[in-house]
């Protein structure tokens, strides 16, 4: 994976999501399943740009803190708390801490994952 070329923590951060998405697309072409690119890692806050190839996903897992999933491109399906959500570009799903969830994409997608880790 290509290293991030900007700071990922500090008092103020700014970068181009278009540029970051282009980098993830380039990396995704070289791997079989997914690419994650950390954009912000500051204290308990993590913001990661995730790219999924068609038919791929993230197995069920959970986070110690709340999570948001904001779809930037494509469509994903998120299963959590006994329900399923089809999320298209521009949609956002928020999950409470410790909620087990899984993500899949039949067609490929890119989303922004924000996590507030507890106790970090």
C-alpha atoms as a PDB file:
ATOM      1  CA  UNK A   1       0.000   0.000   0.000  1.00  0.00           C
ATOM      2  CA  UNK A   2       1.240   3.468  -0.839  1.00  0.00           C
ATOM      3  CA  UNK A   3       2.103   5.498   2.266  1.00  0.00           C
ATOM      4  CA  UNK A   4      -0.120   8.430   3.124  1.00  0.00           C
ATOM      5  CA  UNK A   5       1.593  11.636   1.980  1.00  0.00           C
ATOM      6  CA  UNK A   6       0.014  13.962   4.537  1.00  0.00           C
ATOM      7  CA  UNK A   7      -0.112  14.188   8.311  1.00  0.00           C
ATOM      8  CA  UNK A   8      -2.770  11.971   9.889  1.00  0.00           C
ATOM      9  CA  UNK A   9      -2.933  13.844  13.192  1.00  0.00           C
ATOM     10  CA  UNK A  10      -2.699  17.449  14.308  1.00  0.00           C
ATOM     11  CA  UNK A  11      -4.674  20.556  15.117  1.00  0.00           C
ATOM     12  CA  UNK A  12      -5.994  20.957  11.560  1.00  0.00           C
ATOM     13  CA  UNK A  13      -5.913  18.557   8.613  1.00  0.00           C
ATOM     14  CA  UNK A  14      -6.941  19.087   5.022  1.00  0.00           C
ATOM     15  CA  UNK A  15      -6.612  16.892   1.973  1.00  0.00           C
ATOM     16  CA  UNK A  16      -8.456  16.024  -1.228  1.00  0.00           C
ATOM     17  CA  UNK A  17     -10.820  13.064  -1.018  1.00  0.00           C
ATOM     18  CA  UNK A  18     -10.748  12.897  -4.821  1.00  0.00           C
ATOM     19  CA  UNK A  19      -6.961  12.422  -4.723  1.00  0.00           C
ATOM     20  CA  UNK A  20      -7.186   9.863  -1.918  1.00  0.00           C
ATOM     21  CA  UNK A  21      -9.911   7.961  -3.776  1.00  0.00           C
ATOM     22  CA  UNK A  22      -7.773   7.919  -6.923  1.00  0.00           C
ATOM     23  CA  UNK A  23      -4.909   6.390  -4.902  1.00  0.00           C
ATOM     24  CA  UNK A  24      -7.235   3.754  -3.418  1.00  0.00           C
ATOM     25  CA  UNK A  25      -8.589   2.909  -6.898  1.00  0.00           C
ATOM     26  CA  UNK A  26      -5.015   2.420  -8.172  1.00  0.00           C
ATOM     27  CA  UNK A  27      -4.159   0.173  -5.200  1.00  0.00           C
ATOM     28  CA  UNK A  28      -7.426  -1.750  -5.469  1.00  0.00           C
ATOM     29  CA  UNK A  29      -6.532  -2.758  -9.029  1.00  0.00           C
ATOM     30  CA  UNK A  30      -3.533  -4.670  -7.597  1.00  0.00           C
ATOM     31  CA  UNK A  31      -5.214  -6.620  -4.774  1.00  0.00           C
ATOM     32  CA  UNK A  32      -7.914  -9.316  -4.663  1.00  0.00           C
ATOM     33  CA  UNK A  33     -10.328  -7.912  -2.078  1.00  0.00           C
ATOM     34  CA  UNK A  34     -10.000  -4.515  -0.387  1.00  0.00           C
ATOM     35  CA  UNK A  35      -7.800  -1.541   0.441  1.00  0.00           C
ATOM     36  CA  UNK A  36      -7.917   0.624   3.553  1.00  0.00           C
ATOM     37  CA  UNK A  37      -6.165   3.997   3.672  1.00  0.00           C
ATOM     38  CA  UNK A  38      -5.945   5.813   7.016  1.00  0.00           C
ATOM     39  CA  UNK A  39      -6.673   9.507   6.575  1.00  0.00           C
ATOM     40  CA  UNK A  40      -6.943  10.583  10.232  1.00  0.00           C
ATOM     41  CA  UNK A  41      -5.527   8.878  13.312  1.00  0.00           C
ATOM     42  CA  UNK A  42      -5.689  11.241  16.234  1.00  0.00           C
ATOM     43  CA  UNK A  43      -6.361  10.076  19.788  1.00  0.00           C
ATOM     44  CA  UNK A  44      -9.523   7.932  19.712  1.00  0.00           C
ATOM     45  CA  UNK A  45     -10.572   9.159  16.228  1.00  0.00           C
ATOM     46  CA  UNK A  46      -9.868   7.105  13.103  1.00  0.00           C
ATOM     47  CA  UNK A  47     -11.004   7.977   9.590  1.00  0.00           C
ATOM     48  CA  UNK A  48     -10.237   5.370   6.947  1.00  0.00           C
ATOM     49  CA  UNK A  49     -11.043   5.350   3.246  1.00  0.00           C
ATOM     50  CA  UNK A  50     -12.004   1.778   2.314  1.00  0.00           C
ATOM     51  CA  UNK A  51     -12.210   0.433  -1.226  1.00  0.00           C
ATOM     52  CA  UNK A  52     -13.898  -2.915  -1.952  1.00  0.00           C
ATOM     53  CA  UNK A  53     -13.658  -4.931  -5.140  1.00  0.00           C
ATOM     54  CA  UNK A  54     -16.859  -6.418  -6.560  1.00  0.00           C
ATOM     55  CA  UNK A  55     -18.066  -9.400  -4.535  1.00  0.00           C
ATOM     56  CA  UNK A  56     -15.824  -8.581  -1.563  1.00  0.00           C
ATOM     57  CA  UNK A  57     -16.385  -7.224   1.932  1.00  0.00           C
ATOM     58  CA  UNK A  58     -15.447  -7.168   5.581  1.00  0.00           C
ATOM     59  CA  UNK A  59     -16.335 -10.136   7.793  1.00  0.00           C
ATOM     60  CA  UNK A  60     -18.416  -9.503  10.898  1.00  0.00           C
ATOM     61  CA  UNK A  61     -16.503  -7.506  13.491  1.00  0.00           C
ATOM     62  CA  UNK A  62     -17.144  -4.776  16.056  1.00  0.00           C
ATOM     63  CA  UNK A  63     -15.505  -1.633  17.375  1.00  0.00           C
ATOM     64  CA  UNK A  64     -15.090  -0.450  20.942  1.00  0.00           C
ATOM     65  CA  UNK A  65     -16.638   2.899  19.988  1.00  0.00           C
ATOM     66  CA  UNK A  66     -19.316   4.257  17.650  1.00  0.00           C
ATOM     67  CA  UNK A  67     -18.890   3.948  13.885  1.00  0.00           C
ATOM     68  CA  UNK A  68     -20.140   5.801  10.824  1.00  0.00           C
ATOM     69  CA  UNK A  69     -20.041   4.417   7.293  1.00  0.00           C
ATOM     70  CA  UNK A  70     -20.441   7.025   4.531  1.00  0.00           C
ATOM     71  CA  UNK A  71     -20.652   5.635   0.982  1.00  0.00           C
ATOM     72  CA  UNK A  72     -18.680   7.755  -1.485  1.00  0.00           C
ATOM     73  CA  UNK A  73     -18.959   5.517  -4.537  1.00  0.00           C
ATOM     74  CA  UNK A  74     -20.949   2.420  -5.454  1.00  0.00           C
ATOM     75  CA  UNK A  75     -23.261   0.411  -3.219  1.00  0.00           C
ATOM     76  CA  UNK A  76     -22.626  -1.627  -0.077  1.00  0.00           C
ATOM     77  CA  UNK A  77     -24.746  -3.800   2.140  1.00  0.00           C
ATOM     78  CA  UNK A  78     -24.226  -3.571   5.882  1.00  0.00           C
ATOM     79  CA  UNK A  79     -25.570  -6.238   8.223  1.00  0.00           C
ATOM     80  CA  UNK A  80     -25.828  -5.257  11.885  1.00  0.00           C
ATOM     81  CA  UNK A  81     -28.070  -5.856  14.873  1.00  0.00           C
ATOM     82  CA  UNK A  82     -30.192  -8.388  12.973  1.00  0.00           C
ATOM     83  CA  UNK A  83     -30.937  -5.938  10.149  1.00  0.00           C
ATOM     84  CA  UNK A  84     -29.514  -5.191   6.718  1.00  0.00           C
ATOM     85  CA  UNK A  85     -29.091  -1.844   4.961  1.00  0.00           C
ATOM     86  CA  UNK A  86     -28.388  -1.267   1.277  1.00  0.00           C
ATOM     87  CA  UNK A  87     -26.386   1.952   1.169  1.00  0.00           C
ATOM     88  CA  UNK A  88     -25.828   3.861  -2.056  1.00  0.00           C
ATOM     89  CA  UNK A  89     -23.505   6.748  -2.815  1.00  0.00           C
ATOM     90  CA  UNK A  90     -24.167   9.641  -0.448  1.00  0.00           C
ATOM     91  CA  UNK A  91     -25.804   7.523   2.270  1.00  0.00           C
ATOM     92  CA  UNK A  92     -24.499   7.268   5.827  1.00  0.00           C
ATOM     93  CA  UNK A  93     -25.107   4.678   8.531  1.00  0.00           C
ATOM     94  CA  UNK A  94     -24.195   5.194  12.200  1.00  0.00           C
ATOM     95  CA  UNK A  95     -23.703   2.271  14.575  1.00  0.00           C
ATOM     96  CA  UNK A  96     -23.305   2.336  18.320  1.00  0.00           C
ATOM     97  CA  UNK A  97     -20.228   0.932  20.066  1.00  0.00           C
ATOM     98  CA  UNK A  98     -19.788  -2.845  20.097  1.00  0.00           C
ATOM     99  CA  UNK A  99     -22.502  -3.533  17.492  1.00  0.00           C
ATOM    100  CA  UNK A 100     -21.315  -6.494  15.384  1.00  0.00           C
ATOM    101  CA  UNK A 101     -21.469  -5.618  11.687  1.00  0.00           C
ATOM    102  CA  UNK A 102     -20.341  -6.893   8.287  1.00  0.00           C
ATOM    103  CA  UNK A 103     -20.002  -5.101   4.944  1.00  0.00           C
ATOM    104  CA  UNK A 104     -20.272  -6.505   1.416  1.00  0.00           C
ATOM    105  CA  UNK A 105     -20.410  -5.022  -2.070  1.00  0.00           C
ATOM    106  CA  UNK A 106     -21.693  -6.900  -5.100  1.00  0.00           C
ATOM    107  CA  UNK A 107     -20.415  -4.276  -7.540  1.00  0.00           C
ATOM    108  CA  UNK A 108     -17.462  -2.677  -5.738  1.00  0.00           C
ATOM    109  CA  UNK A 109     -17.546   0.471  -3.630  1.00  0.00           C
ATOM    110  CA  UNK A 110     -15.636   3.088  -1.701  1.00  0.00           C
ATOM    111  CA  UNK A 111     -16.653   4.368   1.726  1.00  0.00           C
ATOM    112  CA  UNK A 112     -15.384   6.544   4.508  1.00  0.00           C
ATOM    113  CA  UNK A 113     -15.244   4.701   7.821  1.00  0.00           C
ATOM    114  CA  UNK A 114     -15.100   6.840  10.970  1.00  0.00           C
ATOM    115  CA  UNK A 115     -14.499   5.191  14.339  1.00  0.00           C
ATOM    116  CA  UNK A 116     -14.272   6.717  17.809  1.00  0.00           C
ATOM    117  CA  UNK A 117     -12.327   4.124  19.803  1.00  0.00           C
ATOM    118  CA  UNK A 118     -13.254   3.894  23.460  1.00  0.00           C
ATOM    119  CA  UNK A 119     -10.444   4.320  25.956  1.00  0.00           C
ATOM    120  CA  UNK A 120      -7.879   5.417  23.338  1.00  0.00           C
END
